[in-house]
Amino acid sequence: MHSVEPAIVLARRNIREYDRIISVYTRGRGRLTLRVPGVNRPRGKLKAISEPFSWSEFRIASSSAGLGGTVSGGKIISVFPAIRADLMRTRLALHFCELVLRMTPESQPSREKYNLLVSALSELERRSAPHALRAAFTLRLMREAGLGLDRPVLGINTDFWVQLHDAPFSDLEDSDLDPRDLEKASRVVARFCETHLERPLRSVMAFASERGTVRPH
C-alpha cells in the first residue's frame, strides 16, 4: 500500500552501504521514520528530498519492519536554497528541525506543528531571521506540545509575549523589539530545553560554540 504525504525532513543517517533512514514530519501522519533505499549510490535519485529541511511530497510504501515506511519516490516542493546559502540561517533551520524531532511523538499527526515548521522555514527563506524568531518558534512549539506557559514570566511585557506566540513571523522586526524582553524570552526557552529535554540539543551547542562558550541547554 502506498500513500503520498507532504513532509519536511528533520534528520537523516546512513545505514548499510547505500541506504538512509530519515525522520520526517508529515502533514497527515505526524513524525515518521522512513527508509530511503539506494539513495547513496552514485546515481541515487532521492538525495535532495532526503536532506535535512527539504520539503517534499513523499511516496511512501507501508512497512512491516517497525518503521513508518519506505520512500519509493517523491517530488520536491522546496529545498530552501536561500537558507542553504547562509550559514546562520542553515543553523537555525536545523535547530527548528531538531526541536520538532525531539518534542514530537511518533505517528501522532498535528497539522498545527506541521504548519508551524513550514511557516518558520518559509520566513527564513524569505529573509535573514529577526532575533525573536528562535524564541517565537520554540514558544509556539511548546504550546502545541502541551508544555506552553499561560502567562508572561520574568516580567516580560504582555504585548511582546502575545506577539511572540501569535503574530505572523513576518511581523517580527528587530527594530520593534525591546532587547531586555527578548533576552528574557531567550532565557525562558533555554530553561525549557534544559529542563524538559533529556540531552542537550546539538544545534544549541553549535550556536554556543560559535559565541565561544558551550553551554548545555
N, C-alpha and C. Protein backbone atom coordinates (compact mmCIF):
# COMPACT_ATOMS: atom_id res chain seq x y z
N MET A 1 0.84 -1.20 0.00
CA MET A 1 0.00 0.00 0.00
C MET A 1 0.88 1.25 0.00
N HIS A 2 0.57 2.18 -0.88
CA HIS A 2 1.32 3.42 -0.98
C HIS A 2 0.45 4.61 -0.57
N SER A 3 1.12 5.62 -0.04
CA SER A 3 0.46 6.89 0.24
C SER A 3 1.40 8.02 -0.15
N VAL A 4 0.84 9.20 -0.36
CA VAL A 4 1.64 10.37 -0.67
C VAL A 4 1.44 11.39 0.44
N GLU A 5 2.55 11.83 1.03
CA GLU A 5 2.48 12.75 2.16
C GLU A 5 3.46 13.90 1.96
N PRO A 6 3.01 15.17 2.03
CA PRO A 6 3.95 16.27 2.12
C PRO A 6 4.64 16.25 3.48
N ALA A 7 5.93 16.48 3.49
CA ALA A 7 6.69 16.36 4.75
C ALA A 7 7.98 17.14 4.65
N ILE A 8 8.53 17.48 5.80
CA ILE A 8 9.84 18.12 5.91
C ILE A 8 10.78 17.15 6.62
N VAL A 9 11.98 17.00 6.06
CA VAL A 9 12.98 16.11 6.66
C VAL A 9 13.57 16.78 7.89
N LEU A 10 13.52 16.08 9.02
CA LEU A 10 14.07 16.60 10.27
C LEU A 10 15.52 16.17 10.47
N ALA A 11 15.86 14.95 10.07
CA ALA A 11 17.22 14.42 10.29
C ALA A 11 17.41 13.22 9.38
N ARG A 12 18.64 12.85 9.15
CA ARG A 12 18.94 11.67 8.36
C ARG A 12 20.19 10.99 8.90
N ARG A 13 20.32 9.69 8.62
CA ARG A 13 21.55 8.97 8.91
C ARG A 13 21.70 7.85 7.90
N ASN A 14 22.93 7.53 7.57
CA ASN A 14 23.20 6.47 6.62
C ASN A 14 23.17 5.11 7.31
N ILE A 15 22.65 4.11 6.61
CA ILE A 15 22.70 2.74 7.09
C ILE A 15 23.16 1.85 5.94
N ARG A 16 23.76 0.72 6.31
CA ARG A 16 24.33 -0.19 5.32
C ARG A 16 25.24 0.62 4.39
N GLU A 17 25.35 0.21 3.15
CA GLU A 17 26.28 0.90 2.26
C GLU A 17 25.62 2.03 1.49
N TYR A 18 24.36 1.86 1.14
CA TYR A 18 23.74 2.83 0.23
C TYR A 18 22.44 3.43 0.75
N ASP A 19 21.91 2.97 1.87
CA ASP A 19 20.59 3.40 2.31
C ASP A 19 20.67 4.53 3.34
N ARG A 20 19.53 5.17 3.56
CA ARG A 20 19.39 6.18 4.60
C ARG A 20 18.12 5.90 5.40
N ILE A 21 18.18 6.29 6.66
CA ILE A 21 16.98 6.40 7.49
C ILE A 21 16.74 7.90 7.70
N ILE A 22 15.53 8.34 7.45
CA ILE A 22 15.21 9.76 7.66
C ILE A 22 14.03 9.88 8.62
N SER A 23 14.07 10.93 9.42
CA SER A 23 12.93 11.33 10.23
C SER A 23 12.27 12.50 9.53
N VAL A 24 10.97 12.41 9.34
CA VAL A 24 10.24 13.48 8.65
C VAL A 24 9.04 13.87 9.49
N TYR A 25 8.58 15.10 9.28
CA TYR A 25 7.31 15.49 9.88
C TYR A 25 6.32 15.70 8.76
N THR A 26 5.28 14.88 8.73
CA THR A 26 4.31 14.90 7.66
C THR A 26 3.09 15.72 8.05
N ARG A 27 2.36 16.14 7.03
CA ARG A 27 1.14 16.91 7.29
C ARG A 27 0.03 16.04 7.87
N GLY A 28 -0.07 14.80 7.39
CA GLY A 28 -1.21 13.98 7.77
C GLY A 28 -0.94 12.87 8.77
N ARG A 29 0.35 12.51 8.95
CA ARG A 29 0.66 11.36 9.83
C ARG A 29 1.63 11.71 10.94
N GLY A 30 1.99 12.98 11.09
CA GLY A 30 2.91 13.37 12.14
C GLY A 30 4.33 12.96 11.82
N ARG A 31 5.10 12.69 12.86
CA ARG A 31 6.52 12.33 12.67
C ARG A 31 6.64 10.85 12.32
N LEU A 32 7.41 10.58 11.27
CA LEU A 32 7.63 9.21 10.81
C LEU A 32 9.12 8.95 10.64
N THR A 33 9.48 7.70 10.78
CA THR A 33 10.83 7.24 10.45
C THR A 33 10.72 6.40 9.18
N LEU A 34 11.47 6.80 8.15
CA LEU A 34 11.36 6.17 6.84
C LEU A 34 12.72 5.69 6.36
N ARG A 35 12.70 4.62 5.60
CA ARG A 35 13.91 4.13 4.94
C ARG A 35 13.93 4.62 3.49
N VAL A 36 15.12 5.07 3.06
CA VAL A 36 15.29 5.51 1.68
C VAL A 36 16.34 4.59 1.05
N PRO A 37 15.93 3.53 0.35
CA PRO A 37 16.90 2.56 -0.16
C PRO A 37 17.67 3.08 -1.36
N GLY A 38 18.97 2.75 -1.39
CA GLY A 38 19.79 3.03 -2.56
C GLY A 38 20.13 4.48 -2.81
N VAL A 39 19.79 5.37 -1.87
CA VAL A 39 19.95 6.79 -2.14
C VAL A 39 21.41 7.21 -2.25
N ASN A 40 22.32 6.47 -1.60
CA ASN A 40 23.74 6.85 -1.61
C ASN A 40 24.53 6.19 -2.74
N ARG A 41 23.84 5.52 -3.64
CA ARG A 41 24.53 5.03 -4.83
C ARG A 41 24.93 6.20 -5.71
N PRO A 42 25.95 6.05 -6.55
CA PRO A 42 26.38 7.17 -7.41
C PRO A 42 25.25 7.80 -8.20
N ARG A 43 24.27 7.01 -8.61
CA ARG A 43 23.16 7.54 -9.38
C ARG A 43 21.86 7.55 -8.58
N GLY A 44 21.99 7.59 -7.26
CA GLY A 44 20.79 7.65 -6.42
C GLY A 44 19.96 8.88 -6.75
N LYS A 45 18.65 8.70 -6.87
CA LYS A 45 17.77 9.77 -7.35
C LYS A 45 17.05 10.53 -6.24
N LEU A 46 17.19 10.12 -5.00
CA LEU A 46 16.40 10.72 -3.94
C LEU A 46 17.26 11.48 -2.93
N LYS A 47 18.47 11.85 -3.33
CA LYS A 47 19.36 12.55 -2.38
C LYS A 47 18.75 13.86 -1.91
N ALA A 48 18.26 14.67 -2.85
CA ALA A 48 17.79 16.02 -2.50
C ALA A 48 16.61 15.97 -1.54
N ILE A 49 15.68 15.03 -1.74
CA ILE A 49 14.49 15.02 -0.89
C ILE A 49 14.76 14.36 0.45
N SER A 50 15.94 13.77 0.62
CA SER A 50 16.25 13.13 1.92
C SER A 50 17.28 13.92 2.71
N GLU A 51 17.48 15.19 2.36
CA GLU A 51 18.38 16.07 3.11
C GLU A 51 17.58 16.85 4.16
N PRO A 52 18.22 17.18 5.30
CA PRO A 52 17.52 17.94 6.34
C PRO A 52 16.91 19.23 5.81
N PHE A 53 15.75 19.54 6.30
CA PHE A 53 14.83 20.63 6.00
C PHE A 53 14.44 20.76 4.52
N SER A 54 14.60 19.67 3.75
CA SER A 54 13.96 19.61 2.44
C SER A 54 12.47 19.37 2.64
N TRP A 55 11.67 19.99 1.78
CA TRP A 55 10.21 19.90 1.87
C TRP A 55 9.72 19.26 0.58
N SER A 56 9.10 18.10 0.69
CA SER A 56 8.73 17.33 -0.50
C SER A 56 7.43 16.59 -0.27
N GLU A 57 6.88 16.12 -1.37
CA GLU A 57 5.80 15.14 -1.32
C GLU A 57 6.44 13.76 -1.46
N PHE A 58 6.31 12.95 -0.43
CA PHE A 58 6.93 11.63 -0.39
C PHE A 58 5.92 10.56 -0.79
N ARG A 59 6.36 9.65 -1.65
CA ARG A 59 5.58 8.46 -1.92
C ARG A 59 6.11 7.38 -0.98
N ILE A 60 5.22 6.92 -0.10
CA ILE A 60 5.63 6.03 1.00
C ILE A 60 4.95 4.68 0.86
N ALA A 61 5.76 3.64 0.85
CA ALA A 61 5.24 2.28 0.87
C ALA A 61 5.20 1.81 2.31
N SER A 62 4.06 1.26 2.73
CA SER A 62 3.92 0.79 4.11
C SER A 62 4.97 -0.27 4.41
N SER A 63 5.42 -0.29 5.67
CA SER A 63 6.48 -1.20 6.09
C SER A 63 6.02 -2.03 7.27
N SER A 64 6.50 -3.27 7.32
CA SER A 64 6.23 -4.12 8.47
C SER A 64 7.49 -4.32 9.30
N ALA A 65 8.50 -3.47 9.05
CA ALA A 65 9.80 -3.64 9.71
C ALA A 65 9.97 -2.71 10.91
N GLY A 66 8.86 -2.20 11.44
CA GLY A 66 8.95 -1.33 12.60
C GLY A 66 9.19 0.13 12.25
N LEU A 67 9.21 0.46 10.94
CA LEU A 67 9.38 1.83 10.51
C LEU A 67 8.05 2.37 10.00
N GLY A 68 8.01 3.67 9.73
CA GLY A 68 6.80 4.26 9.18
C GLY A 68 6.59 3.89 7.73
N GLY A 69 7.63 3.40 7.06
CA GLY A 69 7.51 3.01 5.67
C GLY A 69 8.82 3.18 4.93
N THR A 70 8.75 2.94 3.64
CA THR A 70 9.90 3.06 2.75
C THR A 70 9.57 4.09 1.68
N VAL A 71 10.50 4.99 1.42
CA VAL A 71 10.30 6.01 0.39
C VAL A 71 10.56 5.39 -0.98
N SER A 72 9.54 5.41 -1.82
CA SER A 72 9.70 4.85 -3.16
C SER A 72 9.77 5.92 -4.23
N GLY A 73 9.61 7.17 -3.86
CA GLY A 73 9.69 8.28 -4.81
C GLY A 73 9.26 9.55 -4.13
N GLY A 74 9.28 10.64 -4.88
CA GLY A 74 8.87 11.90 -4.29
C GLY A 74 9.03 13.06 -5.25
N LYS A 75 8.46 14.17 -4.87
CA LYS A 75 8.51 15.40 -5.67
C LYS A 75 8.86 16.56 -4.75
N ILE A 76 9.91 17.28 -5.08
CA ILE A 76 10.37 18.39 -4.23
C ILE A 76 9.38 19.54 -4.30
N ILE A 77 9.04 20.07 -3.13
CA ILE A 77 8.30 21.32 -3.03
C ILE A 77 9.28 22.48 -2.93
N SER A 78 10.25 22.37 -2.03
CA SER A 78 11.32 23.37 -1.90
C SER A 78 12.49 22.78 -1.11
N VAL A 79 13.69 23.11 -1.53
CA VAL A 79 14.87 22.76 -0.73
C VAL A 79 15.40 23.99 0.00
N PHE A 80 14.68 25.12 -0.08
CA PHE A 80 15.03 26.36 0.60
C PHE A 80 16.47 26.78 0.27
N PRO A 81 16.74 27.12 -0.98
CA PRO A 81 18.11 27.44 -1.39
C PRO A 81 18.72 28.65 -0.70
N ALA A 82 17.90 29.66 -0.40
CA ALA A 82 18.45 30.85 0.27
C ALA A 82 18.92 30.51 1.68
N ILE A 83 18.22 29.61 2.35
CA ILE A 83 18.66 29.18 3.68
C ILE A 83 20.01 28.47 3.57
N ARG A 84 20.12 27.56 2.61
CA ARG A 84 21.34 26.76 2.47
C ARG A 84 22.55 27.60 2.06
N ALA A 85 22.30 28.77 1.50
CA ALA A 85 23.39 29.64 1.09
C ALA A 85 23.91 30.51 2.23
N ASP A 86 23.27 30.44 3.38
CA ASP A 86 23.62 31.30 4.52
C ASP A 86 23.83 30.42 5.75
N LEU A 87 25.01 30.49 6.36
CA LEU A 87 25.34 29.60 7.47
C LEU A 87 24.42 29.79 8.66
N MET A 88 24.15 31.03 9.05
CA MET A 88 23.32 31.24 10.23
C MET A 88 21.88 30.80 10.00
N ARG A 89 21.37 31.05 8.81
CA ARG A 89 20.01 30.58 8.51
C ARG A 89 19.96 29.06 8.48
N THR A 90 21.00 28.44 7.94
CA THR A 90 21.06 26.98 7.92
C THR A 90 21.05 26.43 9.34
N ARG A 91 21.84 27.00 10.22
CA ARG A 91 21.88 26.52 11.60
C ARG A 91 20.54 26.69 12.28
N LEU A 92 19.86 27.78 12.01
CA LEU A 92 18.56 28.00 12.64
C LEU A 92 17.53 27.01 12.09
N ALA A 93 17.58 26.74 10.80
CA ALA A 93 16.67 25.76 10.21
C ALA A 93 16.90 24.38 10.82
N LEU A 94 18.16 23.99 10.97
CA LEU A 94 18.47 22.71 11.60
C LEU A 94 18.01 22.68 13.06
N HIS A 95 18.11 23.82 13.72
CA HIS A 95 17.64 23.92 15.11
C HIS A 95 16.13 23.70 15.18
N PHE A 96 15.38 24.32 14.30
CA PHE A 96 13.93 24.12 14.28
C PHE A 96 13.59 22.65 14.04
N CYS A 97 14.29 22.03 13.10
CA CYS A 97 14.04 20.62 12.80
C CYS A 97 14.38 19.73 13.99
N GLU A 98 15.48 20.04 14.68
CA GLU A 98 15.84 19.23 15.84
C GLU A 98 14.82 19.38 16.97
N LEU A 99 14.32 20.59 17.16
CA LEU A 99 13.29 20.79 18.17
C LEU A 99 12.04 19.96 17.87
N VAL A 100 11.60 19.97 16.62
CA VAL A 100 10.42 19.18 16.25
C VAL A 100 10.71 17.69 16.44
N LEU A 101 11.90 17.26 16.05
CA LEU A 101 12.27 15.86 16.23
C LEU A 101 12.21 15.44 17.68
N ARG A 102 12.71 16.30 18.57
CA ARG A 102 12.83 15.94 19.98
C ARG A 102 11.53 16.16 20.76
N MET A 103 10.62 16.98 20.24
CA MET A 103 9.44 17.37 21.01
C MET A 103 8.14 16.79 20.47
N THR A 104 8.23 15.86 19.52
CA THR A 104 7.01 15.29 18.96
C THR A 104 7.05 13.77 19.05
N PRO A 105 5.94 13.14 19.38
CA PRO A 105 5.88 11.68 19.39
C PRO A 105 5.73 11.13 17.98
N GLU A 106 6.12 9.90 17.80
CA GLU A 106 6.00 9.24 16.50
C GLU A 106 4.52 8.97 16.17
N SER A 107 4.18 9.20 14.91
CA SER A 107 2.88 8.80 14.35
C SER A 107 1.69 9.43 15.06
N GLN A 108 1.86 10.66 15.55
CA GLN A 108 0.73 11.39 16.12
C GLN A 108 0.59 12.70 15.35
N PRO A 109 -0.33 12.74 14.39
CA PRO A 109 -0.41 13.90 13.50
C PRO A 109 -0.83 15.18 14.21
N SER A 110 -0.26 16.29 13.74
CA SER A 110 -0.64 17.62 14.21
C SER A 110 -0.43 18.58 13.06
N ARG A 111 -1.54 18.98 12.43
CA ARG A 111 -1.43 19.94 11.33
C ARG A 111 -0.81 21.24 11.82
N GLU A 112 -1.06 21.61 13.08
CA GLU A 112 -0.51 22.87 13.61
C GLU A 112 1.02 22.83 13.67
N LYS A 113 1.58 21.72 14.12
CA LYS A 113 3.05 21.61 14.20
C LYS A 113 3.67 21.61 12.80
N TYR A 114 3.02 20.91 11.89
CA TYR A 114 3.50 20.89 10.51
C TYR A 114 3.49 22.31 9.93
N ASN A 115 2.38 23.02 10.08
CA ASN A 115 2.28 24.38 9.55
C ASN A 115 3.28 25.32 10.22
N LEU A 116 3.51 25.12 11.51
CA LEU A 116 4.47 25.95 12.23
C LEU A 116 5.86 25.81 11.63
N LEU A 117 6.28 24.58 11.38
CA LEU A 117 7.61 24.36 10.80
C LEU A 117 7.70 24.91 9.39
N VAL A 118 6.67 24.68 8.59
CA VAL A 118 6.66 25.20 7.22
C VAL A 118 6.75 26.72 7.22
N SER A 119 5.98 27.38 8.08
CA SER A 119 5.97 28.84 8.09
C SER A 119 7.30 29.41 8.57
N ALA A 120 7.95 28.75 9.54
CA ALA A 120 9.24 29.23 10.03
C ALA A 120 10.31 29.10 8.95
N LEU A 121 10.35 27.97 8.28
CA LEU A 121 11.33 27.78 7.20
C LEU A 121 11.06 28.72 6.04
N SER A 122 9.80 28.94 5.74
CA SER A 122 9.46 29.86 4.64
C SER A 122 9.90 31.28 4.97
N GLU A 123 9.76 31.68 6.24
CA GLU A 123 10.22 33.01 6.64
C GLU A 123 11.74 33.11 6.57
N LEU A 124 12.43 32.05 6.98
CA LEU A 124 13.89 32.03 6.88
C LEU A 124 14.35 32.09 5.42
N GLU A 125 13.61 31.47 4.55
CA GLU A 125 13.95 31.51 3.12
C GLU A 125 13.78 32.93 2.58
N ARG A 126 12.81 33.66 3.11
CA ARG A 126 12.49 34.99 2.60
C ARG A 126 13.49 36.05 3.04
N ARG A 127 14.04 35.92 4.25
CA ARG A 127 14.92 36.97 4.77
C ARG A 127 15.76 36.42 5.91
N SER A 128 16.79 37.16 6.27
CA SER A 128 17.56 36.82 7.46
C SER A 128 16.65 36.92 8.67
N ALA A 129 16.83 36.00 9.59
CA ALA A 129 15.87 35.89 10.69
C ALA A 129 16.02 37.03 11.68
N PRO A 130 14.90 37.61 12.14
CA PRO A 130 14.97 38.52 13.27
C PRO A 130 15.35 37.73 14.52
N HIS A 131 15.92 38.40 15.49
CA HIS A 131 16.40 37.71 16.67
C HIS A 131 15.29 37.00 17.45
N ALA A 132 14.06 37.47 17.29
CA ALA A 132 12.94 36.89 18.04
C ALA A 132 12.44 35.58 17.43
N LEU A 133 12.84 35.24 16.21
CA LEU A 133 12.24 34.10 15.54
C LEU A 133 12.52 32.80 16.29
N ARG A 134 13.72 32.63 16.79
CA ARG A 134 14.07 31.40 17.50
C ARG A 134 13.20 31.22 18.74
N ALA A 135 13.06 32.27 19.54
CA ALA A 135 12.23 32.19 20.74
C ALA A 135 10.76 31.99 20.37
N ALA A 136 10.30 32.71 19.35
CA ALA A 136 8.89 32.61 18.95
C ALA A 136 8.56 31.20 18.48
N PHE A 137 9.43 30.61 17.68
CA PHE A 137 9.18 29.25 17.20
C PHE A 137 9.13 28.27 18.37
N THR A 138 10.08 28.37 19.29
CA THR A 138 10.13 27.42 20.40
C THR A 138 8.92 27.56 21.31
N LEU A 139 8.55 28.79 21.62
CA LEU A 139 7.38 29.01 22.49
C LEU A 139 6.11 28.47 21.85
N ARG A 140 5.97 28.61 20.54
CA ARG A 140 4.78 28.11 19.86
C ARG A 140 4.78 26.59 19.81
N LEU A 141 5.96 26.00 19.59
CA LEU A 141 6.05 24.55 19.60
C LEU A 141 5.76 24.00 21.00
N MET A 142 6.26 24.70 22.03
CA MET A 142 5.93 24.30 23.40
C MET A 142 4.43 24.29 23.62
N ARG A 143 3.76 25.32 23.14
CA ARG A 143 2.30 25.40 23.30
C ARG A 143 1.61 24.24 22.59
N GLU A 144 2.02 23.95 21.36
CA GLU A 144 1.39 22.87 20.61
C GLU A 144 1.67 21.51 21.25
N ALA A 145 2.80 21.40 21.96
CA ALA A 145 3.15 20.15 22.62
C ALA A 145 2.51 20.03 24.01
N GLY A 146 1.71 21.02 24.40
CA GLY A 146 1.06 20.99 25.71
C GLY A 146 1.97 21.40 26.85
N LEU A 147 3.08 22.08 26.52
CA LEU A 147 4.05 22.48 27.53
C LEU A 147 4.22 24.00 27.59
N GLY A 148 3.28 24.72 27.01
CA GLY A 148 3.39 26.18 26.96
C GLY A 148 3.09 26.83 28.31
N LEU A 149 3.39 28.10 28.38
CA LEU A 149 3.16 28.89 29.59
C LEU A 149 1.93 29.76 29.39
N ASP A 150 1.05 29.80 30.40
CA ASP A 150 -0.22 30.51 30.27
C ASP A 150 -0.06 32.02 30.26
N ARG A 151 0.99 32.51 30.90
CA ARG A 151 1.13 33.96 31.04
C ARG A 151 2.62 34.32 31.01
N PRO A 152 2.93 35.59 30.80
CA PRO A 152 4.34 36.01 30.75
C PRO A 152 5.05 35.72 32.07
N VAL A 153 6.35 35.45 31.97
CA VAL A 153 7.18 35.23 33.15
C VAL A 153 8.36 36.18 33.07
N LEU A 154 9.09 36.28 34.18
CA LEU A 154 10.28 37.13 34.28
C LEU A 154 10.00 38.60 33.99
N GLY A 155 8.73 39.00 34.13
CA GLY A 155 8.39 40.40 33.89
C GLY A 155 8.37 40.79 32.43
N ILE A 156 8.24 39.83 31.54
CA ILE A 156 8.19 40.13 30.11
C ILE A 156 6.91 40.91 29.81
N ASN A 157 7.02 41.92 28.98
CA ASN A 157 5.88 42.73 28.59
C ASN A 157 4.80 41.86 27.95
N THR A 158 3.55 42.07 28.37
CA THR A 158 2.45 41.22 27.91
C THR A 158 2.26 41.30 26.40
N ASP A 159 2.32 42.50 25.84
CA ASP A 159 2.15 42.66 24.39
C ASP A 159 3.24 41.91 23.62
N PHE A 160 4.46 41.97 24.11
CA PHE A 160 5.57 41.26 23.46
C PHE A 160 5.36 39.76 23.56
N TRP A 161 4.88 39.29 24.70
CA TRP A 161 4.61 37.86 24.91
C TRP A 161 3.56 37.38 23.90
N VAL A 162 2.50 38.15 23.75
CA VAL A 162 1.45 37.80 22.79
C VAL A 162 2.00 37.81 21.37
N GLN A 163 2.83 38.79 21.07
CA GLN A 163 3.42 38.86 19.73
C GLN A 163 4.27 37.63 19.44
N LEU A 164 5.07 37.20 20.40
CA LEU A 164 5.90 36.01 20.20
C LEU A 164 5.06 34.77 19.94
N HIS A 165 3.89 34.69 20.56
CA HIS A 165 3.06 33.50 20.44
C HIS A 165 2.11 33.52 19.25
N ASP A 166 1.69 34.70 18.80
CA ASP A 166 0.57 34.74 17.86
C ASP A 166 0.78 35.58 16.61
N ALA A 167 1.72 36.50 16.61
CA ALA A 167 1.90 37.35 15.43
C ALA A 167 2.49 36.56 14.27
N PRO A 168 2.14 36.89 13.03
CA PRO A 168 2.84 36.26 11.90
C PRO A 168 4.35 36.48 12.03
N PHE A 169 5.10 35.47 11.64
CA PHE A 169 6.55 35.61 11.72
C PHE A 169 7.05 36.82 10.93
N SER A 170 6.35 37.17 9.87
CA SER A 170 6.76 38.31 9.05
C SER A 170 6.64 39.63 9.80
N ASP A 171 5.86 39.65 10.90
CA ASP A 171 5.69 40.88 11.68
C ASP A 171 6.78 41.06 12.74
N LEU A 172 7.62 40.07 12.94
CA LEU A 172 8.68 40.17 13.94
C LEU A 172 9.84 40.96 13.35
N GLU A 173 10.05 42.16 13.85
CA GLU A 173 11.10 43.05 13.35
C GLU A 173 12.00 43.45 14.51
N ASP A 174 13.31 43.36 14.30
CA ASP A 174 14.26 43.72 15.35
C ASP A 174 14.05 45.14 15.86
N SER A 175 13.70 46.04 14.96
CA SER A 175 13.56 47.45 15.35
C SER A 175 12.39 47.66 16.30
N ASP A 176 11.43 46.71 16.33
CA ASP A 176 10.26 46.86 17.20
C ASP A 176 10.41 46.15 18.54
N LEU A 177 11.53 45.48 18.74
CA LEU A 177 11.67 44.61 19.90
C LEU A 177 12.47 45.29 21.02
N ASP A 178 12.02 45.07 22.24
CA ASP A 178 12.78 45.52 23.41
C ASP A 178 13.84 44.45 23.69
N PRO A 179 15.13 44.79 23.60
CA PRO A 179 16.18 43.78 23.81
C PRO A 179 16.11 43.11 25.17
N ARG A 180 15.61 43.82 26.17
CA ARG A 180 15.52 43.22 27.50
C ARG A 180 14.45 42.12 27.53
N ASP A 181 13.31 42.38 26.89
CA ASP A 181 12.27 41.35 26.82
C ASP A 181 12.73 40.16 25.99
N LEU A 182 13.45 40.45 24.92
CA LEU A 182 13.94 39.36 24.07
C LEU A 182 14.94 38.49 24.82
N GLU A 183 15.79 39.09 25.61
CA GLU A 183 16.76 38.34 26.40
C GLU A 183 16.04 37.47 27.42
N LYS A 184 15.00 37.99 28.03
CA LYS A 184 14.23 37.20 29.00
C LYS A 184 13.53 36.03 28.31
N ALA A 185 12.97 36.27 27.13
CA ALA A 185 12.31 35.20 26.39
C ALA A 185 13.31 34.12 26.01
N SER A 186 14.52 34.52 25.64
CA SER A 186 15.56 33.55 25.31
C SER A 186 15.93 32.72 26.52
N ARG A 187 15.92 33.32 27.70
CA ARG A 187 16.20 32.58 28.93
C ARG A 187 15.10 31.57 29.23
N VAL A 188 13.85 31.94 28.97
CA VAL A 188 12.74 31.01 29.17
C VAL A 188 12.90 29.79 28.27
N VAL A 189 13.23 30.04 27.01
CA VAL A 189 13.40 28.96 26.05
C VAL A 189 14.57 28.06 26.44
N ALA A 190 15.68 28.67 26.83
CA ALA A 190 16.86 27.89 27.23
C ALA A 190 16.55 27.04 28.46
N ARG A 191 15.84 27.61 29.41
CA ARG A 191 15.48 26.86 30.62
C ARG A 191 14.57 25.69 30.28
N PHE A 192 13.62 25.91 29.38
CA PHE A 192 12.74 24.82 28.96
C PHE A 192 13.55 23.66 28.37
N CYS A 193 14.46 23.98 27.45
CA CYS A 193 15.26 22.93 26.80
C CYS A 193 16.10 22.18 27.82
N GLU A 194 16.64 22.90 28.79
CA GLU A 194 17.47 22.29 29.82
C GLU A 194 16.65 21.37 30.72
N THR A 195 15.41 21.76 31.00
CA THR A 195 14.57 21.03 31.95
C THR A 195 13.83 19.86 31.33
N HIS A 196 13.32 20.03 30.12
CA HIS A 196 12.39 19.06 29.55
C HIS A 196 13.01 18.11 28.54
N LEU A 197 14.18 18.42 28.02
CA LEU A 197 14.81 17.53 27.06
C LEU A 197 15.90 16.72 27.75
N GLU A 198 15.98 15.45 27.45
CA GLU A 198 16.85 14.55 28.19
C GLU A 198 18.33 14.80 27.94
N ARG A 199 18.67 15.31 26.80
CA ARG A 199 20.07 15.57 26.49
C ARG A 199 20.16 16.89 25.73
N PRO A 200 21.32 17.54 25.73
CA PRO A 200 21.44 18.85 25.07
C PRO A 200 21.13 18.77 23.58
N LEU A 201 20.53 19.83 23.07
CA LEU A 201 20.30 19.94 21.64
C LEU A 201 21.62 20.19 20.93
N ARG A 202 21.92 19.41 19.93
CA ARG A 202 23.17 19.58 19.21
C ARG A 202 23.23 20.94 18.52
N SER A 203 22.08 21.41 18.03
CA SER A 203 22.05 22.70 17.34
C SER A 203 22.31 23.85 18.30
N VAL A 204 21.86 23.74 19.55
CA VAL A 204 22.14 24.78 20.54
C VAL A 204 23.62 24.78 20.89
N MET A 205 24.23 23.61 20.97
CA MET A 205 25.66 23.52 21.22
C MET A 205 26.44 24.24 20.13
N ALA A 206 25.96 24.12 18.89
CA ALA A 206 26.64 24.80 17.77
C ALA A 206 26.52 26.31 17.91
N PHE A 207 25.33 26.81 18.28
CA PHE A 207 25.16 28.25 18.49
C PHE A 207 26.10 28.75 19.58
N ALA A 208 26.16 28.01 20.70
CA ALA A 208 27.00 28.42 21.82
C ALA A 208 28.47 28.37 21.45
N SER A 209 28.87 27.34 20.70
CA SER A 209 30.27 27.20 20.29
C SER A 209 30.69 28.37 19.44
N GLU A 210 29.80 28.85 18.59
CA GLU A 210 30.13 29.98 17.73
C GLU A 210 30.41 31.24 18.55
N ARG A 211 29.71 31.36 19.70
CA ARG A 211 29.95 32.51 20.58
C ARG A 211 31.18 32.33 21.45
N GLY A 212 31.75 31.11 21.43
CA GLY A 212 32.96 30.87 22.20
C GLY A 212 32.72 30.19 23.52
N THR A 213 31.45 29.92 23.84
CA THR A 213 31.12 29.25 25.10
C THR A 213 30.08 28.19 24.82
N VAL A 214 30.36 26.97 25.19
CA VAL A 214 29.40 25.89 25.01
C VAL A 214 28.65 25.68 26.31
N ARG A 215 27.32 25.84 26.27
CA ARG A 215 26.50 25.65 27.45
C ARG A 215 25.52 24.51 27.20
N PRO A 216 25.24 23.69 28.20
CA PRO A 216 24.42 22.50 27.99
C PRO A 216 22.93 22.75 28.01
N HIS A 217 22.44 23.71 27.20
CA HIS A 217 20.99 23.86 27.06
C HIS A 217 20.68 24.52 25.73
